[in-house]
Structures are given as C-alpha cells and as structure tokens.
Amino acid sequence: MLALVFLATFTIGSYMFLLLMFKLLKVPDYDYEFTGIFYFFLLFLPFSFFILLILLSKDGILITDDKALYKAKFIFGKNWFKQKADLNGITDITILSLKGTQNFALFTFALPDKKYEVYNNDIYLLNHNHTIKRFLISTRDKKLAEKTINEINEILNLNYKPYNPRFYD
C-alpha cells in the first residue's frame, strides 16, 4: 500500500515539477496559469522521497561506545534515525513469542477464510519484577532474536529471563 502511495505522489509531483520547469524555462507554446492547488500538488514530490525513505528503511538496534541502547532505522546499513531506549530500572530482557494469522492480500475477496500463520518474536526490556515492559524490536526469526539478546547481554549485562510478572514481590 505504501508503495502505491509512493508511486502516485511521485508521478503527480514529477508532472507538476515538469510543468513548473516548462514555465521557468519559457518553453514556446506553453501557457499554463498556476493556482494554489498546483503548488499543493508540487509538494507531493518531496513527500514522495520521504515515503521512499520509509520504504527502504529497516528497523534495528544500535549500541554506542558509551553503552547507550537505541532503537534505530537503517538504510543500506547507514543509520538515519535513532531513539534512545530508556534503561532506568531495567535489569532483565526477554523474548515474547507470538503466533497469529494473517489473511492473504489478494485472495481475501474470493476466499475470505484463506490465512497463513505468522510468528513474531518481540524483544522487551523488563524491570526486576517484570511489571514494567518496554518494547525494543520485533523479528520473525527466533534465532536472530536469540542472537540479538546475546549481543545485548554481552555489552549491557542484562539478565535473560522468561517473562514472569511478580506484582507482590
């Protein structure tokens, strides 16, 4: 869906940019009056590049030299956005495995009951009693989630424990 939005905004924005270039270069036999809606559609071009940035980005984590943990977005291995994960009171880390179903994208109209199983492994940061749970990252690959947990434990010295909230400890 996001790819279709990118194509539509890029096409409209590029067309409007081309019309603007024709007017600025004073191309003969070109007489088009620009209105406010034209400039609105012209903004679609930079907006389409922002959508492309989102389409190409991947989620990940980043641990800096000063042992600060960040949720990050990467494009071609380069970090372009990061948000610091709050580690105040955090002592443990865990993986919550979730199983769900998702409908097929193109067959739901003809066969609405066609589904496939989806497995997500969400990594959470926990306090000592596991009453505070902060989402870190999600992956479908269990081995990758375990490798991520091991890397974080190696650097930040968090305890890998199964999720077990204790409200009366």
N, C-alpha and C. Protein backbone atom coordinates (compact mmCIF):
# COMPACT_ATOMS: atom_id res chain seq x y z
N MET A 1 0.83 -1.19 0.00
CA MET A 1 0.00 0.00 0.00
C MET A 1 0.87 1.26 0.00
N LEU A 2 1.92 1.21 0.81
CA LEU A 2 2.82 2.36 0.87
C LEU A 2 3.55 2.56 -0.46
N ALA A 3 3.85 1.46 -1.15
CA ALA A 3 4.49 1.56 -2.45
C ALA A 3 3.56 2.23 -3.47
N LEU A 4 2.27 1.94 -3.40
CA LEU A 4 1.32 2.60 -4.30
C LEU A 4 1.20 4.09 -4.00
N VAL A 5 1.23 4.45 -2.72
CA VAL A 5 1.20 5.87 -2.35
C VAL A 5 2.46 6.55 -2.88
N PHE A 6 3.61 5.87 -2.76
CA PHE A 6 4.85 6.45 -3.30
C PHE A 6 4.73 6.68 -4.80
N LEU A 7 4.25 5.68 -5.54
CA LEU A 7 4.14 5.83 -7.00
C LEU A 7 3.20 6.97 -7.38
N ALA A 8 2.07 7.07 -6.69
CA ALA A 8 1.10 8.13 -7.01
C ALA A 8 1.67 9.51 -6.70
N THR A 9 2.26 9.68 -5.52
CA THR A 9 2.79 11.01 -5.16
C THR A 9 3.99 11.38 -6.03
N PHE A 10 4.83 10.41 -6.35
CA PHE A 10 5.99 10.69 -7.20
C PHE A 10 5.55 11.08 -8.61
N THR A 11 4.57 10.38 -9.16
CA THR A 11 4.09 10.67 -10.51
C THR A 11 3.47 12.06 -10.58
N ILE A 12 2.58 12.36 -9.64
CA ILE A 12 1.91 13.67 -9.65
C ILE A 12 2.92 14.78 -9.39
N GLY A 13 3.79 14.59 -8.40
CA GLY A 13 4.78 15.60 -8.08
C GLY A 13 5.76 15.85 -9.22
N SER A 14 6.19 14.77 -9.89
CA SER A 14 7.12 14.92 -11.02
C SER A 14 6.46 15.66 -12.18
N TYR A 15 5.19 15.35 -12.43
CA TYR A 15 4.46 16.03 -13.50
C TYR A 15 4.35 17.53 -13.21
N MET A 16 4.01 17.86 -11.98
CA MET A 16 3.90 19.28 -11.62
C MET A 16 5.25 19.98 -11.67
N PHE A 17 6.30 19.28 -11.27
CA PHE A 17 7.65 19.85 -11.35
C PHE A 17 8.04 20.10 -12.81
N LEU A 18 7.68 19.17 -13.68
CA LEU A 18 7.97 19.34 -15.11
C LEU A 18 7.21 20.54 -15.67
N LEU A 19 5.95 20.73 -15.28
CA LEU A 19 5.19 21.91 -15.72
C LEU A 19 5.83 23.20 -15.23
N LEU A 20 6.31 23.19 -14.01
CA LEU A 20 6.98 24.37 -13.46
C LEU A 20 8.26 24.68 -14.23
N MET A 21 9.03 23.63 -14.58
CA MET A 21 10.25 23.84 -15.35
C MET A 21 9.94 24.41 -16.73
N PHE A 22 8.86 23.94 -17.37
CA PHE A 22 8.46 24.49 -18.66
C PHE A 22 8.17 25.98 -18.56
N LYS A 23 7.49 26.36 -17.48
CA LYS A 23 7.15 27.78 -17.32
C LYS A 23 8.40 28.61 -17.03
N LEU A 24 9.30 28.11 -16.16
CA LEU A 24 10.50 28.86 -15.81
C LEU A 24 11.47 28.97 -16.98
N LEU A 25 11.52 27.94 -17.82
CA LEU A 25 12.41 27.97 -19.00
C LEU A 25 11.76 28.65 -20.19
N LYS A 26 10.51 29.08 -20.03
CA LYS A 26 9.76 29.80 -21.07
C LYS A 26 9.72 29.02 -22.38
N VAL A 27 9.24 27.80 -22.26
CA VAL A 27 9.08 26.94 -23.43
C VAL A 27 8.01 27.55 -24.32
N PRO A 28 8.27 27.67 -25.64
CA PRO A 28 7.26 28.25 -26.53
C PRO A 28 5.99 27.39 -26.56
N ASP A 29 4.89 28.02 -26.82
CA ASP A 29 3.57 27.38 -26.90
C ASP A 29 3.16 26.74 -25.57
N TYR A 30 3.68 27.26 -24.48
CA TYR A 30 3.29 26.74 -23.18
C TYR A 30 2.74 27.92 -22.38
N ASP A 31 1.45 27.85 -22.12
CA ASP A 31 0.81 28.92 -21.36
C ASP A 31 -0.14 28.27 -20.35
N TYR A 32 0.34 28.11 -19.15
CA TYR A 32 -0.45 27.47 -18.10
C TYR A 32 -0.43 28.37 -16.88
N GLU A 33 -1.59 28.68 -16.36
CA GLU A 33 -1.70 29.52 -15.16
C GLU A 33 -1.67 28.63 -13.93
N PHE A 34 -0.76 28.94 -13.04
CA PHE A 34 -0.62 28.15 -11.81
C PHE A 34 -1.53 28.70 -10.72
N THR A 35 -2.24 27.80 -10.09
CA THR A 35 -3.12 28.16 -8.97
C THR A 35 -2.56 27.55 -7.69
N GLY A 36 -3.26 27.74 -6.60
CA GLY A 36 -2.81 27.22 -5.31
C GLY A 36 -2.76 25.70 -5.28
N ILE A 37 -3.68 25.05 -5.98
CA ILE A 37 -3.71 23.59 -5.99
C ILE A 37 -2.48 23.03 -6.70
N PHE A 38 -1.97 23.77 -7.67
CA PHE A 38 -0.76 23.34 -8.37
C PHE A 38 0.41 23.24 -7.39
N TYR A 39 0.57 24.27 -6.57
CA TYR A 39 1.68 24.27 -5.61
C TYR A 39 1.48 23.19 -4.53
N PHE A 40 0.23 22.91 -4.20
CA PHE A 40 -0.05 21.81 -3.28
C PHE A 40 0.41 20.48 -3.88
N PHE A 41 0.07 20.25 -5.14
CA PHE A 41 0.49 19.00 -5.80
C PHE A 41 2.00 18.97 -6.04
N LEU A 42 2.61 20.13 -6.15
CA LEU A 42 4.06 20.18 -6.30
C LEU A 42 4.76 19.68 -5.04
N LEU A 43 4.13 19.83 -3.87
CA LEU A 43 4.69 19.34 -2.62
C LEU A 43 4.69 17.80 -2.54
N PHE A 44 3.97 17.16 -3.44
CA PHE A 44 3.97 15.69 -3.46
C PHE A 44 5.35 15.13 -3.79
N LEU A 45 6.15 15.86 -4.55
CA LEU A 45 7.47 15.34 -4.93
C LEU A 45 8.39 15.16 -3.72
N PRO A 46 8.61 16.17 -2.87
CA PRO A 46 9.44 15.90 -1.69
C PRO A 46 8.79 14.91 -0.73
N PHE A 47 7.46 14.92 -0.66
CA PHE A 47 6.76 13.97 0.19
C PHE A 47 6.99 12.54 -0.29
N SER A 48 7.07 12.34 -1.61
CA SER A 48 7.32 11.00 -2.14
C SER A 48 8.71 10.49 -1.76
N PHE A 49 9.70 11.39 -1.66
CA PHE A 49 11.03 10.97 -1.24
C PHE A 49 11.05 10.55 0.22
N PHE A 50 10.24 11.20 1.04
CA PHE A 50 10.11 10.79 2.43
C PHE A 50 9.47 9.40 2.52
N ILE A 51 8.48 9.12 1.70
CA ILE A 51 7.85 7.80 1.68
C ILE A 51 8.85 6.75 1.20
N LEU A 52 9.67 7.10 0.21
CA LEU A 52 10.70 6.18 -0.26
C LEU A 52 11.69 5.87 0.85
N LEU A 53 12.03 6.86 1.65
CA LEU A 53 12.92 6.67 2.79
C LEU A 53 12.32 5.66 3.77
N ILE A 54 11.04 5.76 4.01
CA ILE A 54 10.37 4.81 4.91
C ILE A 54 10.32 3.42 4.29
N LEU A 55 10.07 3.34 2.99
CA LEU A 55 10.00 2.04 2.31
C LEU A 55 11.33 1.29 2.35
N LEU A 56 12.42 2.00 2.21
CA LEU A 56 13.74 1.37 2.15
C LEU A 56 14.36 1.11 3.52
N SER A 57 13.79 1.67 4.57
CA SER A 57 14.42 1.56 5.88
C SER A 57 14.08 0.24 6.56
N LYS A 58 14.99 -0.17 7.43
CA LYS A 58 14.82 -1.37 8.24
C LYS A 58 15.00 -1.00 9.70
N ASP A 59 14.24 -1.66 10.57
CA ASP A 59 14.38 -1.43 12.00
C ASP A 59 15.55 -2.21 12.54
N GLY A 60 16.16 -1.66 13.57
CA GLY A 60 17.27 -2.33 14.22
C GLY A 60 17.57 -1.69 15.55
N ILE A 61 18.65 -2.13 16.15
CA ILE A 61 19.11 -1.53 17.39
C ILE A 61 20.54 -1.06 17.20
N LEU A 62 20.91 -0.09 18.00
CA LEU A 62 22.24 0.49 17.92
C LEU A 62 22.76 0.65 19.34
N ILE A 63 23.94 0.13 19.60
CA ILE A 63 24.59 0.29 20.89
C ILE A 63 25.86 1.10 20.65
N THR A 64 25.93 2.26 21.29
CA THR A 64 27.06 3.15 21.09
C THR A 64 28.22 2.75 22.00
N ASP A 65 29.35 3.43 21.84
CA ASP A 65 30.54 3.13 22.63
C ASP A 65 30.34 3.40 24.12
N ASP A 66 29.47 4.35 24.44
CA ASP A 66 29.22 4.65 25.85
C ASP A 66 28.10 3.78 26.44
N LYS A 67 27.81 2.65 25.79
CA LYS A 67 26.84 1.65 26.22
C LYS A 67 25.42 2.21 26.35
N ALA A 68 25.03 3.04 25.40
CA ALA A 68 23.66 3.54 25.31
C ALA A 68 22.95 2.72 24.23
N LEU A 69 21.73 2.33 24.52
CA LEU A 69 20.94 1.48 23.62
C LEU A 69 19.93 2.35 22.88
N TYR A 70 19.86 2.19 21.56
CA TYR A 70 18.94 2.96 20.73
C TYR A 70 18.12 2.03 19.84
N LYS A 71 16.84 2.38 19.64
CA LYS A 71 16.06 1.81 18.56
C LYS A 71 16.40 2.65 17.34
N ALA A 72 16.70 2.00 16.23
CA ALA A 72 17.21 2.76 15.08
C ALA A 72 16.56 2.30 13.79
N LYS A 73 16.64 3.16 12.78
CA LYS A 73 16.22 2.84 11.42
C LYS A 73 17.44 2.99 10.53
N PHE A 74 17.61 2.01 9.64
CA PHE A 74 18.79 1.97 8.78
C PHE A 74 18.37 1.90 7.32
N ILE A 75 19.18 2.54 6.47
CA ILE A 75 19.04 2.42 5.02
C ILE A 75 20.41 2.04 4.49
N PHE A 76 20.48 0.88 3.84
CA PHE A 76 21.72 0.35 3.29
C PHE A 76 22.83 0.32 4.34
N GLY A 77 22.47 -0.02 5.57
CA GLY A 77 23.44 -0.14 6.65
C GLY A 77 23.82 1.16 7.32
N LYS A 78 23.26 2.27 6.88
CA LYS A 78 23.56 3.58 7.46
C LYS A 78 22.39 4.02 8.33
N ASN A 79 22.71 4.47 9.53
CA ASN A 79 21.69 4.92 10.46
C ASN A 79 21.16 6.29 10.04
N TRP A 80 19.83 6.43 9.95
CA TRP A 80 19.27 7.74 9.62
C TRP A 80 18.32 8.25 10.69
N PHE A 81 17.95 7.41 11.64
CA PHE A 81 17.09 7.82 12.75
C PHE A 81 17.37 6.92 13.93
N LYS A 82 17.45 7.52 15.13
CA LYS A 82 17.61 6.71 16.32
C LYS A 82 16.87 7.36 17.47
N GLN A 83 16.37 6.50 18.36
CA GLN A 83 15.62 6.92 19.54
C GLN A 83 16.18 6.16 20.73
N LYS A 84 16.58 6.88 21.75
CA LYS A 84 17.23 6.25 22.90
C LYS A 84 16.22 5.41 23.68
N ALA A 85 16.62 4.19 24.02
CA ALA A 85 15.81 3.30 24.85
C ALA A 85 16.07 3.64 26.31
N ASP A 86 15.01 3.81 27.07
CA ASP A 86 15.14 4.16 28.48
C ASP A 86 15.52 2.92 29.27
N LEU A 87 16.72 2.94 29.87
CA LEU A 87 17.21 1.80 30.63
C LEU A 87 17.13 2.02 32.14
N ASN A 88 16.42 3.05 32.58
CA ASN A 88 16.27 3.31 34.01
C ASN A 88 15.45 2.22 34.67
N GLY A 89 16.05 1.52 35.63
CA GLY A 89 15.36 0.45 36.34
C GLY A 89 15.29 -0.86 35.59
N ILE A 90 15.90 -0.96 34.43
CA ILE A 90 15.85 -2.17 33.61
C ILE A 90 16.97 -3.12 34.06
N THR A 91 16.59 -4.36 34.37
CA THR A 91 17.57 -5.36 34.77
C THR A 91 17.51 -6.61 33.90
N ASP A 92 16.37 -6.86 33.27
CA ASP A 92 16.18 -8.10 32.52
C ASP A 92 15.78 -7.80 31.08
N ILE A 93 15.91 -8.85 30.27
CA ILE A 93 15.49 -8.78 28.87
C ILE A 93 14.85 -10.12 28.53
N THR A 94 13.84 -10.10 27.68
CA THR A 94 13.14 -11.33 27.34
C THR A 94 12.64 -11.31 25.91
N ILE A 95 12.27 -12.50 25.44
CA ILE A 95 11.65 -12.66 24.12
C ILE A 95 10.24 -13.16 24.35
N LEU A 96 9.26 -12.47 23.81
CA LEU A 96 7.89 -12.95 23.83
C LEU A 96 7.55 -13.43 22.42
N SER A 97 7.24 -14.71 22.30
CA SER A 97 6.91 -15.29 21.00
C SER A 97 5.41 -15.25 20.82
N LEU A 98 4.97 -14.70 19.72
CA LEU A 98 3.56 -14.54 19.43
C LEU A 98 3.22 -15.28 18.15
N LYS A 99 2.11 -15.98 18.18
CA LYS A 99 1.63 -16.70 17.00
C LYS A 99 0.30 -16.08 16.59
N GLY A 100 0.16 -15.80 15.33
CA GLY A 100 -1.08 -15.23 14.83
C GLY A 100 -1.35 -15.67 13.41
N THR A 101 -2.44 -15.20 12.87
CA THR A 101 -2.77 -15.49 11.48
C THR A 101 -2.96 -14.18 10.73
N GLN A 102 -2.70 -14.24 9.44
CA GLN A 102 -2.85 -13.07 8.59
C GLN A 102 -3.51 -13.52 7.29
N ASN A 103 -4.43 -12.71 6.80
CA ASN A 103 -5.11 -13.03 5.55
C ASN A 103 -4.17 -12.80 4.37
N PHE A 104 -4.36 -13.60 3.33
CA PHE A 104 -3.64 -13.36 2.09
C PHE A 104 -4.10 -12.03 1.50
N ALA A 105 -3.19 -11.27 0.94
CA ALA A 105 -3.51 -9.92 0.50
C ALA A 105 -4.45 -9.90 -0.71
N LEU A 106 -4.27 -10.79 -1.66
CA LEU A 106 -5.02 -10.70 -2.91
C LEU A 106 -6.21 -11.65 -2.98
N PHE A 107 -6.29 -12.63 -2.11
CA PHE A 107 -7.33 -13.64 -2.23
C PHE A 107 -8.47 -13.45 -1.25
N THR A 108 -8.47 -12.40 -0.44
CA THR A 108 -9.49 -12.26 0.59
C THR A 108 -10.87 -11.99 0.01
N PHE A 109 -10.95 -11.40 -1.15
CA PHE A 109 -12.25 -11.13 -1.75
C PHE A 109 -12.91 -12.43 -2.20
N ALA A 110 -12.15 -13.29 -2.85
CA ALA A 110 -12.71 -14.55 -3.34
C ALA A 110 -12.79 -15.60 -2.24
N LEU A 111 -11.76 -15.70 -1.42
CA LEU A 111 -11.71 -16.69 -0.34
C LEU A 111 -11.35 -15.98 0.97
N PRO A 112 -12.35 -15.44 1.67
CA PRO A 112 -12.04 -14.65 2.86
C PRO A 112 -11.45 -15.45 4.01
N ASP A 113 -11.54 -16.77 3.99
CA ASP A 113 -11.02 -17.59 5.09
C ASP A 113 -9.60 -18.07 4.85
N LYS A 114 -8.99 -17.70 3.74
CA LYS A 114 -7.61 -18.10 3.46
C LYS A 114 -6.65 -17.28 4.33
N LYS A 115 -5.90 -17.97 5.18
CA LYS A 115 -4.98 -17.30 6.10
C LYS A 115 -3.69 -18.10 6.18
N TYR A 116 -2.66 -17.47 6.68
CA TYR A 116 -1.42 -18.18 6.96
C TYR A 116 -0.93 -17.75 8.34
N GLU A 117 -0.12 -18.61 8.93
CA GLU A 117 0.36 -18.35 10.28
C GLU A 117 1.56 -17.43 10.27
N VAL A 118 1.61 -16.54 11.25
CA VAL A 118 2.68 -15.58 11.41
C VAL A 118 3.26 -15.74 12.80
N TYR A 119 4.57 -15.81 12.89
CA TYR A 119 5.25 -15.90 14.18
C TYR A 119 6.11 -14.66 14.36
N ASN A 120 5.91 -13.97 15.46
CA ASN A 120 6.73 -12.81 15.80
C ASN A 120 7.45 -13.07 17.10
N ASN A 121 8.68 -12.65 17.19
CA ASN A 121 9.47 -12.73 18.40
C ASN A 121 9.80 -11.30 18.80
N ASP A 122 9.11 -10.81 19.83
CA ASP A 122 9.29 -9.45 20.30
C ASP A 122 10.27 -9.44 21.46
N ILE A 123 11.23 -8.54 21.41
CA ILE A 123 12.22 -8.40 22.47
C ILE A 123 11.80 -7.23 23.35
N TYR A 124 11.72 -7.49 24.65
CA TYR A 124 11.29 -6.49 25.62
C TYR A 124 12.35 -6.30 26.69
N LEU A 125 12.45 -5.08 27.19
CA LEU A 125 13.28 -4.75 28.34
C LEU A 125 12.37 -4.74 29.56
N LEU A 126 12.83 -5.36 30.66
CA LEU A 126 11.98 -5.54 31.85
C LEU A 126 12.69 -5.03 33.10
N ASN A 127 11.90 -4.62 34.10
CA ASN A 127 12.47 -4.31 35.40
C ASN A 127 12.60 -5.60 36.21
N HIS A 128 13.03 -5.50 37.47
CA HIS A 128 13.28 -6.69 38.29
C HIS A 128 12.02 -7.54 38.48
N ASN A 129 10.88 -6.93 38.72
CA ASN A 129 9.63 -7.67 38.94
C ASN A 129 8.86 -7.95 37.66
N HIS A 130 9.35 -7.50 36.55
CA HIS A 130 8.72 -7.65 35.23
C HIS A 130 7.37 -6.94 35.15
N THR A 131 7.18 -5.93 35.97
CA THR A 131 5.94 -5.16 35.91
C THR A 131 6.04 -4.01 34.91
N ILE A 132 7.26 -3.61 34.56
CA ILE A 132 7.48 -2.62 33.51
C ILE A 132 8.08 -3.35 32.31
N LYS A 133 7.41 -3.19 31.18
CA LYS A 133 7.80 -3.90 29.97
C LYS A 133 7.93 -2.86 28.85
N ARG A 134 9.14 -2.72 28.29
CA ARG A 134 9.40 -1.75 27.22
C ARG A 134 9.81 -2.49 25.95
N PHE A 135 9.05 -2.25 24.89
CA PHE A 135 9.30 -2.90 23.61
C PHE A 135 10.60 -2.39 23.01
N LEU A 136 11.40 -3.31 22.47
CA LEU A 136 12.65 -2.93 21.83
C LEU A 136 12.60 -3.17 20.33
N ILE A 137 12.39 -4.42 19.91
CA ILE A 137 12.39 -4.74 18.48
C ILE A 137 11.63 -6.04 18.26
N SER A 138 11.16 -6.24 17.06
CA SER A 138 10.44 -7.45 16.70
C SER A 138 11.07 -8.09 15.47
N THR A 139 11.10 -9.43 15.46
CA THR A 139 11.62 -10.16 14.31
C THR A 139 10.83 -11.45 14.16
N ARG A 140 10.80 -11.99 12.98
CA ARG A 140 10.12 -13.27 12.75
C ARG A 140 11.05 -14.46 12.95
N ASP A 141 12.34 -14.21 12.98
CA ASP A 141 13.33 -15.27 13.09
C ASP A 141 13.72 -15.45 14.56
N LYS A 142 13.45 -16.62 15.13
CA LYS A 142 13.75 -16.90 16.53
C LYS A 142 15.26 -16.88 16.79
N LYS A 143 16.05 -17.44 15.87
CA LYS A 143 17.50 -17.47 16.06
C LYS A 143 18.08 -16.05 16.05
N LEU A 144 17.56 -15.19 15.22
CA LEU A 144 18.01 -13.81 15.18
C LEU A 144 17.66 -13.09 16.49
N ALA A 145 16.48 -13.36 17.03
CA ALA A 145 16.10 -12.75 18.31
C ALA A 145 17.03 -13.21 19.42
N GLU A 146 17.37 -14.50 19.44
CA GLU A 146 18.27 -15.02 20.46
C GLU A 146 19.68 -14.44 20.30
N LYS A 147 20.12 -14.29 19.06
CA LYS A 147 21.44 -13.69 18.81
C LYS A 147 21.46 -12.24 19.27
N THR A 148 20.37 -11.52 19.04
CA THR A 148 20.26 -10.13 19.48
C THR A 148 20.31 -10.04 21.00
N ILE A 149 19.59 -10.94 21.66
CA ILE A 149 19.60 -10.97 23.13
C ILE A 149 21.01 -11.23 23.65
N ASN A 150 21.72 -12.17 23.04
CA ASN A 150 23.08 -12.47 23.47
C ASN A 150 24.02 -11.28 23.30
N GLU A 151 23.88 -10.57 22.18
CA GLU A 151 24.71 -9.39 21.95
C GLU A 151 24.43 -8.30 22.99
N ILE A 152 23.16 -8.08 23.28
CA ILE A 152 22.80 -7.06 24.26
C ILE A 152 23.29 -7.46 25.65
N ASN A 153 23.14 -8.75 26.00
CA ASN A 153 23.61 -9.22 27.31
C ASN A 153 25.12 -9.08 27.44
N GLU A 154 25.83 -9.33 26.37
CA GLU A 154 27.28 -9.25 26.38
C GLU A 154 27.77 -7.82 26.64
N ILE A 155 27.07 -6.85 26.09
CA ILE A 155 27.51 -5.46 26.21
C ILE A 155 26.90 -4.75 27.42
N LEU A 156 25.60 -4.95 27.66
CA LEU A 156 24.92 -4.19 28.70
C LEU A 156 24.72 -4.97 30.02
N ASN A 157 25.10 -6.22 30.05
CA ASN A 157 24.98 -7.06 31.25
C ASN A 157 23.56 -7.13 31.80
N LEU A 158 22.59 -7.33 30.92
CA LEU A 158 21.21 -7.56 31.35
C LEU A 158 21.00 -9.06 31.50
N ASN A 159 20.04 -9.46 32.32
CA ASN A 159 19.74 -10.87 32.55
C ASN A 159 18.65 -11.33 31.58
N TYR A 160 18.90 -12.44 30.90
CA TYR A 160 17.89 -13.02 30.03
C TYR A 160 17.03 -13.95 30.87
N LYS A 161 15.76 -13.58 31.06
CA LYS A 161 14.84 -14.36 31.88
C LYS A 161 13.51 -14.48 31.15
N PRO A 162 12.80 -15.58 31.37
CA PRO A 162 11.45 -15.67 30.80
C PRO A 162 10.52 -14.65 31.47
N TYR A 163 9.57 -14.18 30.73
CA TYR A 163 8.65 -13.17 31.25
C TYR A 163 7.77 -13.78 32.33
N ASN A 164 7.84 -13.21 33.54
CA ASN A 164 7.10 -13.72 34.69
C ASN A 164 6.83 -12.54 35.63
N PRO A 165 5.73 -11.80 35.41
CA PRO A 165 5.48 -10.65 36.27
C PRO A 165 5.15 -11.06 37.69
N ARG A 166 5.77 -10.38 38.66
CA ARG A 166 5.54 -10.64 40.08
C ARG A 166 5.04 -9.33 40.68
N PHE A 167 3.74 -9.24 40.88
CA PHE A 167 3.14 -8.00 41.40
C PHE A 167 3.29 -7.88 42.91
N TYR A 168 3.43 -9.00 43.60
CA TYR A 168 3.51 -8.99 45.07
C TYR A 168 4.83 -9.57 45.51
N ASP A 169 5.91 -8.93 45.15
CA ASP A 169 7.23 -9.46 45.48
C ASP A 169 7.84 -8.71 46.63
